[in-house]
PDB file of N, CA and C in Angstrom:
ATOM      1  N   MET A   1       0.819  -1.191   0.000  1.00  0.00           N
ATOM      2  CA  MET A   1       0.000   0.000   0.000  1.00  0.00           C
ATOM      3  C   MET A   1       0.859   1.248   0.000  1.00  0.00           C
ATOM      4  N   ALA A   2       2.147   1.098   0.245  1.00  0.00           N
ATOM      5  CA  ALA A   2       3.018   2.263   0.333  1.00  0.00           C
ATOM      6  C   ALA A   2       2.968   3.086  -0.945  1.00  0.00           C
ATOM      7  N   SER A   3       2.870   4.377  -0.782  1.00  0.00           N
ATOM      8  CA  SER A   3       2.855   5.299  -1.908  1.00  0.00           C
ATOM      9  C   SER A   3       3.526   6.578  -1.448  1.00  0.00           C
ATOM     10  N   PRO A   4       4.356   7.167  -2.283  1.00  0.00           N
ATOM     11  CA  PRO A   4       4.974   8.425  -1.876  1.00  0.00           C
ATOM     12  C   PRO A   4       3.951   9.542  -1.655  1.00  0.00           C
ATOM     13  N   ALA A   5       2.851   9.516  -2.387  1.00  0.00           N
ATOM     14  CA  ALA A   5       1.863  10.596  -2.307  1.00  0.00           C
ATOM     15  C   ALA A   5       0.719  10.298  -1.345  1.00  0.00           C
ATOM     16  N   ILE A   6       0.351   9.041  -1.211  1.00  0.00           N
ATOM     17  CA  ILE A   6      -0.832   8.670  -0.432  1.00  0.00           C
ATOM     18  C   ILE A   6      -0.423   7.811   0.750  1.00  0.00           C
ATOM     19  N   ARG A   7      -0.745   8.294   1.940  1.00  0.00           N
ATOM     20  CA  ARG A   7      -0.386   7.585   3.169  1.00  0.00           C
ATOM     21  C   ARG A   7      -1.396   6.490   3.504  1.00  0.00           C
ATOM     22  N   ASP A   8      -2.701   6.800   3.323  1.00  0.00           N
ATOM     23  CA  ASP A   8      -3.732   5.848   3.726  1.00  0.00           C
ATOM     24  C   ASP A   8      -5.007   6.144   2.960  1.00  0.00           C
ATOM     25  N   PHE A   9      -5.878   5.140   2.889  1.00  0.00           N
ATOM     26  CA  PHE A   9      -7.182   5.345   2.262  1.00  0.00           C
ATOM     27  C   PHE A   9      -8.163   4.320   2.799  1.00  0.00           C
ATOM     28  N   ALA A  10      -9.447   4.657   2.681  1.00  0.00           N
ATOM     29  CA  ALA A  10     -10.510   3.753   3.122  1.00  0.00           C
ATOM     30  C   ALA A  10     -11.738   4.025   2.268  1.00  0.00           C
ATOM     31  N   TYR A  11     -12.560   2.999   2.126  1.00  0.00           N
ATOM     32  CA  TYR A  11     -13.768   3.132   1.311  1.00  0.00           C
ATOM     33  C   TYR A  11     -14.980   2.698   2.115  1.00  0.00           C
ATOM     34  N   ASP A  12     -16.010   3.520   2.118  1.00  0.00           N
ATOM     35  CA  ASP A  12     -17.276   3.207   2.772  1.00  0.00           C
ATOM     36  C   ASP A  12     -18.250   2.764   1.686  1.00  0.00           C
ATOM     37  N   GLU A  13     -18.494   1.465   1.611  1.00  0.00           N
ATOM     38  CA  GLU A  13     -19.363   0.905   0.575  1.00  0.00           C
ATOM     39  C   GLU A  13     -20.793   1.423   0.668  1.00  0.00           C
ATOM     40  N   ASN A  14     -21.282   1.603   1.881  1.00  0.00           N
ATOM     41  CA  ASN A  14     -22.660   2.047   2.061  1.00  0.00           C
ATOM     42  C   ASN A  14     -22.883   3.475   1.578  1.00  0.00           C
ATOM     43  N   ARG A  15     -21.850   4.291   1.665  1.00  0.00           N
ATOM     44  CA  ARG A  15     -21.983   5.703   1.289  1.00  0.00           C
ATOM     45  C   ARG A  15     -21.261   6.042  -0.014  1.00  0.00           C
ATOM     46  N   ASN A  16     -20.531   5.073  -0.559  1.00  0.00           N
ATOM     47  CA  ASN A  16     -19.723   5.297  -1.770  1.00  0.00           C
ATOM     48  C   ASN A  16     -18.768   6.473  -1.575  1.00  0.00           C
ATOM     49  N   GLU A  17     -18.103   6.484  -0.407  1.00  0.00           N
ATOM     50  CA  GLU A  17     -17.157   7.543  -0.090  1.00  0.00           C
ATOM     51  C   GLU A  17     -15.744   6.970   0.042  1.00  0.00           C
ATOM     52  N   LEU A  18     -14.827   7.602  -0.645  1.00  0.00           N
ATOM     53  CA  LEU A  18     -13.421   7.224  -0.576  1.00  0.00           C
ATOM     54  C   LEU A  18     -12.681   8.288   0.221  1.00  0.00           C
ATOM     55  N   THR A  19     -12.080   7.893   1.310  1.00  0.00           N
ATOM     56  CA  THR A  19     -11.294   8.811   2.140  1.00  0.00           C
ATOM     57  C   THR A  19      -9.822   8.568   1.837  1.00  0.00           C
ATOM     58  N   VAL A  20      -9.128   9.639   1.485  1.00  0.00           N
ATOM     59  CA  VAL A  20      -7.708   9.540   1.124  1.00  0.00           C
ATOM     60  C   VAL A  20      -6.914  10.505   1.999  1.00  0.00           C
ATOM     61  N   THR A  21      -5.902   9.977   2.669  1.00  0.00           N
ATOM     62  CA  THR A  21      -4.972  10.807   3.432  1.00  0.00           C
ATOM     63  C   THR A  21      -3.654  10.830   2.677  1.00  0.00           C
ATOM     64  N   PHE A  22      -3.221  12.023   2.336  1.00  0.00           N
ATOM     65  CA  PHE A  22      -1.998  12.200   1.574  1.00  0.00           C
ATOM     66  C   PHE A  22      -0.797  12.282   2.515  1.00  0.00           C
ATOM     67  N   SER A  23       0.383  12.126   1.965  1.00  0.00           N
ATOM     68  CA  SER A  23       1.598  12.159   2.776  1.00  0.00           C
ATOM     69  C   SER A  23       1.785  13.516   3.451  1.00  0.00           C
ATOM     70  N   THR A  24       1.121  14.539   2.946  1.00  0.00           N
ATOM     71  CA  THR A  24       1.183  15.874   3.549  1.00  0.00           C
ATOM     72  C   THR A  24       0.355  15.956   4.827  1.00  0.00           C
ATOM     73  N   GLY A  25      -0.504  14.946   5.061  1.00  0.00           N
ATOM     74  CA  GLY A  25      -1.402  14.961   6.203  1.00  0.00           C
ATOM     75  C   GLY A  25      -2.794  15.433   5.855  1.00  0.00           C
ATOM     76  N   ARG A  26      -2.984  15.972   4.672  1.00  0.00           N
ATOM     77  CA  ARG A  26      -4.316  16.420   4.257  1.00  0.00           C
ATOM     78  C   ARG A  26      -5.186  15.205   3.951  1.00  0.00           C
ATOM     79  N   THR A  27      -6.439  15.288   4.398  1.00  0.00           N
ATOM     80  CA  THR A  27      -7.387  14.202   4.171  1.00  0.00           C
ATOM     81  C   THR A  27      -8.602  14.735   3.426  1.00  0.00           C
ATOM     82  N   TYR A  28      -8.993  14.010   2.389  1.00  0.00           N
ATOM     83  CA  TYR A  28     -10.152  14.368   1.584  1.00  0.00           C
ATOM     84  C   TYR A  28     -11.105  13.180   1.527  1.00  0.00           C
ATOM     85  N   VAL A  29     -12.392  13.476   1.520  1.00  0.00           N
ATOM     86  CA  VAL A  29     -13.414  12.454   1.324  1.00  0.00           C
ATOM     87  C   VAL A  29     -14.040  12.717  -0.039  1.00  0.00           C
ATOM     88  N   TYR A  30     -13.899  11.764  -0.940  1.00  0.00           N
ATOM     89  CA  TYR A  30     -14.478  11.864  -2.278  1.00  0.00           C
ATOM     90  C   TYR A  30     -15.835  11.175  -2.253  1.00  0.00           C
ATOM     91  N   LEU A  31     -16.847  11.859  -2.770  1.00  0.00           N
ATOM     92  CA  LEU A  31     -18.231  11.399  -2.706  1.00  0.00           C
ATOM     93  C   LEU A  31     -18.648  10.734  -4.015  1.00  0.00           C
ATOM     94  N   LEU A  32     -19.599   9.834  -3.906  1.00  0.00           N
ATOM     95  CA  LEU A  32     -20.216   9.177  -5.074  1.00  0.00           C
ATOM     96  C   LEU A  32     -19.216   8.365  -5.897  1.00  0.00           C
ATOM     97  N   VAL A  33     -18.216   7.807  -5.243  1.00  0.00           N
ATOM     98  CA  VAL A  33     -17.197   7.005  -5.938  1.00  0.00           C
ATOM     99  C   VAL A  33     -17.740   5.582  -6.101  1.00  0.00           C
ATOM    100  N   PRO A  34     -17.902   5.121  -7.331  1.00  0.00           N
ATOM    101  CA  PRO A  34     -18.435   3.774  -7.559  1.00  0.00           C
ATOM    102  C   PRO A  34     -17.477   2.694  -7.029  1.00  0.00           C
ATOM    103  N   PRO A  35     -18.030   1.561  -6.615  1.00  0.00           N
ATOM    104  CA  PRO A  35     -17.188   0.462  -6.113  1.00  0.00           C
ATOM    105  C   PRO A  35     -16.105   0.037  -7.095  1.00  0.00           C
ATOM    106  N   GLY A  36     -16.392   0.062  -8.383  1.00  0.00           N
ATOM    107  CA  GLY A  36     -15.405  -0.340  -9.389  1.00  0.00           C
ATOM    108  C   GLY A  36     -14.200   0.591  -9.434  1.00  0.00           C
ATOM    109  N   ILE A  37     -14.441   1.877  -9.238  1.00  0.00           N
ATOM    110  CA  ILE A  37     -13.337   2.842  -9.202  1.00  0.00           C
ATOM    111  C   ILE A  37     -12.470   2.580  -7.977  1.00  0.00           C
ATOM    112  N   PHE A  38     -13.124   2.331  -6.829  1.00  0.00           N
ATOM    113  CA  PHE A  38     -12.340   2.017  -5.632  1.00  0.00           C
ATOM    114  C   PHE A  38     -11.535   0.736  -5.833  1.00  0.00           C
ATOM    115  N   ALA A  39     -12.153  -0.293  -6.418  1.00  0.00           N
ATOM    116  CA  ALA A  39     -11.446  -1.562  -6.626  1.00  0.00           C
ATOM    117  C   ALA A  39     -10.206  -1.352  -7.502  1.00  0.00           C
ATOM    118  N   ALA A  40     -10.356  -0.548  -8.547  1.00  0.00           N
ATOM    119  CA  ALA A  40      -9.216  -0.279  -9.427  1.00  0.00           C
ATOM    120  C   ALA A  40      -8.151   0.555  -8.697  1.00  0.00           C
ATOM    121  N   PHE A  41      -8.578   1.514  -7.903  1.00  0.00           N
ATOM    122  CA  PHE A  41      -7.649   2.319  -7.107  1.00  0.00           C
ATOM    123  C   PHE A  41      -6.883   1.434  -6.132  1.00  0.00           C
ATOM    124  N   ASN A  42      -7.598   0.560  -5.464  1.00  0.00           N
ATOM    125  CA  ASN A  42      -7.003  -0.349  -4.492  1.00  0.00           C
ATOM    126  C   ASN A  42      -5.975  -1.275  -5.152  1.00  0.00           C
ATOM    127  N   ALA A  43      -6.242  -1.682  -6.388  1.00  0.00           N
ATOM    128  CA  ALA A  43      -5.361  -2.605  -7.103  1.00  0.00           C
ATOM    129  C   ALA A  43      -4.224  -1.900  -7.842  1.00  0.00           C
ATOM    130  N   ALA A  44      -4.316  -0.590  -7.991  1.00  0.00           N
ATOM    131  CA  ALA A  44      -3.329   0.150  -8.781  1.00  0.00           C
ATOM    132  C   ALA A  44      -1.937   0.064  -8.171  1.00  0.00           C
ATOM    133  N   ALA A  45      -0.958  -0.126  -9.028  1.00  0.00           N
ATOM    134  CA  ALA A  45       0.433  -0.157  -8.571  1.00  0.00           C
ATOM    135  C   ALA A  45       0.856   1.209  -8.046  1.00  0.00           C
ATOM    136  N   SER A  46       0.363   2.267  -8.678  1.00  0.00           N
ATOM    137  CA  SER A  46       0.656   3.635  -8.231  1.00  0.00           C
ATOM    138  C   SER A  46      -0.654   4.306  -7.838  1.00  0.00           C
ATOM    139  N   LYS A  47      -0.889   4.375  -6.540  1.00  0.00           N
ATOM    140  CA  LYS A  47      -2.122   4.997  -6.039  1.00  0.00           C
ATOM    141  C   LYS A  47      -2.188   6.475  -6.419  1.00  0.00           C
ATOM    142  N   GLY A  48      -1.065   7.163  -6.331  1.00  0.00           N
ATOM    143  CA  GLY A  48      -1.034   8.582  -6.669  1.00  0.00           C
ATOM    144  C   GLY A  48      -1.384   8.835  -8.127  1.00  0.00           C
ATOM    145  N   SER A  49      -0.822   8.043  -9.023  1.00  0.00           N
ATOM    146  CA  SER A  49      -1.117   8.199 -10.454  1.00  0.00           C
ATOM    147  C   SER A  49      -2.573   7.880 -10.752  1.00  0.00           C
ATOM    148  N   TYR A  50      -3.084   6.808 -10.133  1.00  0.00           N
ATOM    149  CA  TYR A  50      -4.481   6.445 -10.358  1.00  0.00           C
ATOM    150  C   TYR A  50      -5.394   7.550  -9.834  1.00  0.00           C
ATOM    151  N   HIS A  51      -5.095   8.052  -8.655  1.00  0.00           N
ATOM    152  CA  HIS A  51      -5.893   9.127  -8.072  1.00  0.00           C
ATOM    153  C   HIS A  51      -5.933  10.333  -9.009  1.00  0.00           C
ATOM    154  N   ASN A  52      -4.765  10.733  -9.512  1.00  0.00           N
ATOM    155  CA  ASN A  52      -4.707  11.897 -10.397  1.00  0.00           C
ATOM    156  C   ASN A  52      -5.476  11.679 -11.690  1.00  0.00           C
ATOM    157  N   ALA A  53      -5.428  10.484 -12.230  1.00  0.00           N
ATOM    158  CA  ALA A  53      -6.055  10.209 -13.523  1.00  0.00           C
ATOM    159  C   ALA A  53      -7.546   9.903 -13.439  1.00  0.00           C
ATOM    160  N   HIS A  54      -7.996   9.323 -12.317  1.00  0.00           N
ATOM    161  CA  HIS A  54      -9.365   8.803 -12.284  1.00  0.00           C
ATOM    162  C   HIS A  54     -10.249   9.320 -11.153  1.00  0.00           C
ATOM    163  N   ILE A  55      -9.670  10.006 -10.178  1.00  0.00           N
ATOM    164  CA  ILE A  55     -10.478  10.437  -9.026  1.00  0.00           C
ATOM    165  C   ILE A  55     -10.449  11.957  -8.873  1.00  0.00           C
ATOM    166  N   ARG A  56      -9.275  12.523  -8.768  1.00  0.00           N
ATOM    167  CA  ARG A  56      -9.156  13.979  -8.596  1.00  0.00           C
ATOM    168  C   ARG A  56      -9.856  14.710  -9.735  1.00  0.00           C
ATOM    169  N   ASP A  57     -10.598  15.730  -9.402  1.00  0.00           N
ATOM    170  CA  ASP A  57     -11.337  16.556 -10.367  1.00  0.00           C
ATOM    171  C   ASP A  57     -12.475  15.813 -11.065  1.00  0.00           C
ATOM    172  N   ARG A  58     -12.810  14.591 -10.606  1.00  0.00           N
ATOM    173  CA  ARG A  58     -13.903  13.844 -11.222  1.00  0.00           C
ATOM    174  C   ARG A  58     -15.056  13.583 -10.253  1.00  0.00           C
ATOM    175  N   TYR A  59     -14.773  13.684  -8.966  1.00  0.00           N
ATOM    176  CA  TYR A  59     -15.795  13.423  -7.951  1.00  0.00           C
ATOM    177  C   TYR A  59     -15.839  14.587  -6.973  1.00  0.00           C
ATOM    178  N   PRO A  60     -17.036  14.916  -6.497  1.00  0.00           N
ATOM    179  CA  PRO A  60     -17.099  15.965  -5.473  1.00  0.00           C
ATOM    180  C   PRO A  60     -16.355  15.493  -4.226  1.00  0.00           C
ATOM    181  N   PHE A  61     -15.844  16.443  -3.458  1.00  0.00           N
ATOM    182  CA  PHE A  61     -15.069  16.070  -2.276  1.00  0.00           C
ATOM    183  C   PHE A  61     -15.259  17.104  -1.183  1.00  0.00           C
ATOM    184  N   ARG A  62     -14.844  16.704   0.011  1.00  0.00           N
ATOM    185  CA  ARG A  62     -14.745  17.649   1.124  1.00  0.00           C
ATOM    186  C   ARG A  62     -13.406  17.402   1.815  1.00  0.00           C
ATOM    187  N   LYS A  63     -12.819  18.482   2.258  1.00  0.00           N
ATOM    188  CA  LYS A  63     -11.542  18.395   2.984  1.00  0.00           C
ATOM    189  C   LYS A  63     -11.871  18.139   4.444  1.00  0.00           C
ATOM    190  N   VAL A  64     -11.200  17.146   5.024  1.00  0.00           N
ATOM    191  CA  VAL A  64     -11.487  16.769   6.403  1.00  0.00           C
ATOM    192  C   VAL A  64     -10.575  17.494   7.369  1.00  0.00           C
ATOM    193  N   GLY A  65      -9.297  17.572   7.096  1.00  0.00           N
ATOM    194  CA  GLY A  65      -8.389  18.223   8.028  1.00  0.00           C
ATOM    195  C   GLY A  65      -6.954  18.033   7.625  1.00  0.00           C
ATOM    196  N   THR A  66      -6.096  18.549   8.461  1.00  0.00           N
ATOM    197  CA  THR A  66      -4.659  18.466   8.216  1.00  0.00           C
ATOM    198  C   THR A  66      -3.976  18.072   9.507  1.00  0.00           C
ATOM    199  N   GLU A  67      -3.112  17.095   9.421  1.00  0.00           N
ATOM    200  CA  GLU A  67      -2.312  16.709  10.582  1.00  0.00           C
ATOM    201  C   GLU A  67      -1.062  17.578  10.584  1.00  0.00           C
ATOM    202  N   ARG A  68      -0.585  17.882  11.752  1.00  0.00           N
ATOM    203  CA  ARG A  68       0.682  18.598  11.850  1.00  0.00           C
ATOM    204  C   ARG A  68       1.759  17.610  12.254  1.00  0.00           C
ATOM    205  N   ALA A  69       2.912  17.776  11.669  1.00  0.00           N
ATOM    206  CA  ALA A  69       4.029  16.909  12.022  1.00  0.00           C
ATOM    207  C   ALA A  69       4.425  17.191  13.464  1.00  0.00           C
ATOM    208  N   THR A  70       4.817  16.160  14.172  1.00  0.00           N
ATOM    209  CA  THR A  70       5.226  16.322  15.561  1.00  0.00           C
ATOM    210  C   THR A  70       6.362  17.328  15.647  1.00  0.00           C
ATOM    211  N   GLY A  71       6.196  18.293  16.516  1.00  0.00           N
ATOM    212  CA  GLY A  71       7.233  19.292  16.733  1.00  0.00           C
ATOM    213  C   GLY A  71       7.135  20.503  15.836  1.00  0.00           C
ATOM    214  N   THR A  72       6.249  20.507  14.866  1.00  0.00           N
ATOM    215  CA  THR A  72       6.162  21.636  13.946  1.00  0.00           C
ATOM    216  C   THR A  72       5.790  22.913  14.681  1.00  0.00           C
ATOM    217  N   SER A  73       4.789  22.852  15.549  1.00  0.00           N
ATOM    218  CA  SER A  73       4.363  24.045  16.268  1.00  0.00           C
ATOM    219  C   SER A  73       5.482  24.575  17.144  1.00  0.00           C
ATOM    220  N   ALA A  74       6.165  23.697  17.866  1.00  0.00           N
ATOM    221  CA  ALA A  74       7.248  24.121  18.736  1.00  0.00           C
ATOM    222  C   ALA A  74       8.380  24.741  17.919  1.00  0.00           C
ATOM    223  N   SER A  75       8.713  24.141  16.782  1.00  0.00           N
ATOM    224  CA  SER A  75       9.786  24.665  15.946  1.00  0.00           C
ATOM    225  C   SER A  75       9.433  26.045  15.409  1.00  0.00           C
ATOM    226  N   LEU A  76       8.218  26.218  14.969  1.00  0.00           N
ATOM    227  CA  LEU A  76       7.776  27.513  14.470  1.00  0.00           C
ATOM    228  C   LEU A  76       7.789  28.539  15.596  1.00  0.00           C
ATOM    229  N   ARG A  77       7.300  28.150  16.754  1.00  0.00           N
ATOM    230  CA  ARG A  77       7.276  29.045  17.916  1.00  0.00           C
ATOM    231  C   ARG A  77       8.705  29.465  18.278  1.00  0.00           C
ATOM    232  N   ASP A  78       9.636  28.507  18.284  1.00  0.00           N
ATOM    233  CA  ASP A  78      11.028  28.829  18.602  1.00  0.00           C
ATOM    234  C   ASP A  78      11.627  29.783  17.569  1.00  0.00           C
ATOM    235  N   ALA A  79      11.346  29.553  16.299  1.00  0.00           N
ATOM    236  CA  ALA A  79      11.878  30.429  15.250  1.00  0.00           C
ATOM    237  C   ALA A  79      11.328  31.838  15.387  1.00  0.00           C
ATOM    238  N   LEU A  80      10.048  31.972  15.733  1.00  0.00           N
ATOM    239  CA  LEU A  80       9.464  33.296  15.914  1.00  0.00           C
ATOM    240  C   LEU A  80      10.078  34.012  17.114  1.00  0.00           C
ATOM    241  N   ARG A  81      10.326  33.258  18.175  1.00  0.00           N
ATOM    242  CA  ARG A  81      10.960  33.861  19.354  1.00  0.00           C
ATOM    243  C   ARG A  81      12.375  34.361  19.010  1.00  0.00           C
ATOM    244  N   ARG A  82      13.130  33.536  18.274  1.00  0.00           N
ATOM    245  CA  ARG A  82      14.486  33.931  17.900  1.00  0.00           C
ATOM    246  C   ARG A  82      14.474  35.188  17.035  1.00  0.00           C
ATOM    247  N   SER A  83      13.533  35.251  16.084  1.00  0.00           N
ATOM    248  CA  SER A  83      13.487  36.407  15.196  1.00  0.00           C
ATOM    249  C   SER A  83      13.040  37.661  15.936  1.00  0.00           C
ATOM    250  N   ALA A  84      12.315  37.491  17.041  1.00  0.00           N
ATOM    251  CA  ALA A  84      11.879  38.631  17.839  1.00  0.00           C
ATOM    252  C   ALA A  84      12.900  38.990  18.906  1.00  0.00           C
ATOM    253  N   GLY A  85      13.974  38.208  18.995  1.00  0.00           N
ATOM    254  CA  GLY A  85      15.032  38.480  19.947  1.00  0.00           C
ATOM    255  C   GLY A  85      14.693  38.054  21.360  1.00  0.00           C
ATOM    256  N   LYS A  86      13.813  37.095  21.515  1.00  0.00           N
ATOM    257  CA  LYS A  86      13.417  36.628  22.856  1.00  0.00           C
ATOM    258  C   LYS A  86      14.096  35.341  23.216  1.00  0.00           C
TER     259      LYS A  86
END
């Protein structure tokens, strides 16, 4: 399942929703995705390429959220303090 672009994905058969979490931490839920499209996505050697060619810009979606990398907030806070001379 490893993909440089896609960290994780799940499909809700009852709702025809495909949830994709990208390596950036952004998560999108694609709506009205037919089971056959999910099956092909699941079987694709390159999930990122399949997503770009067959899912992105073809199905309505909603953005769920963004994960922050551990330590990002602290690092940013420290950099701001240094630039302010604190």
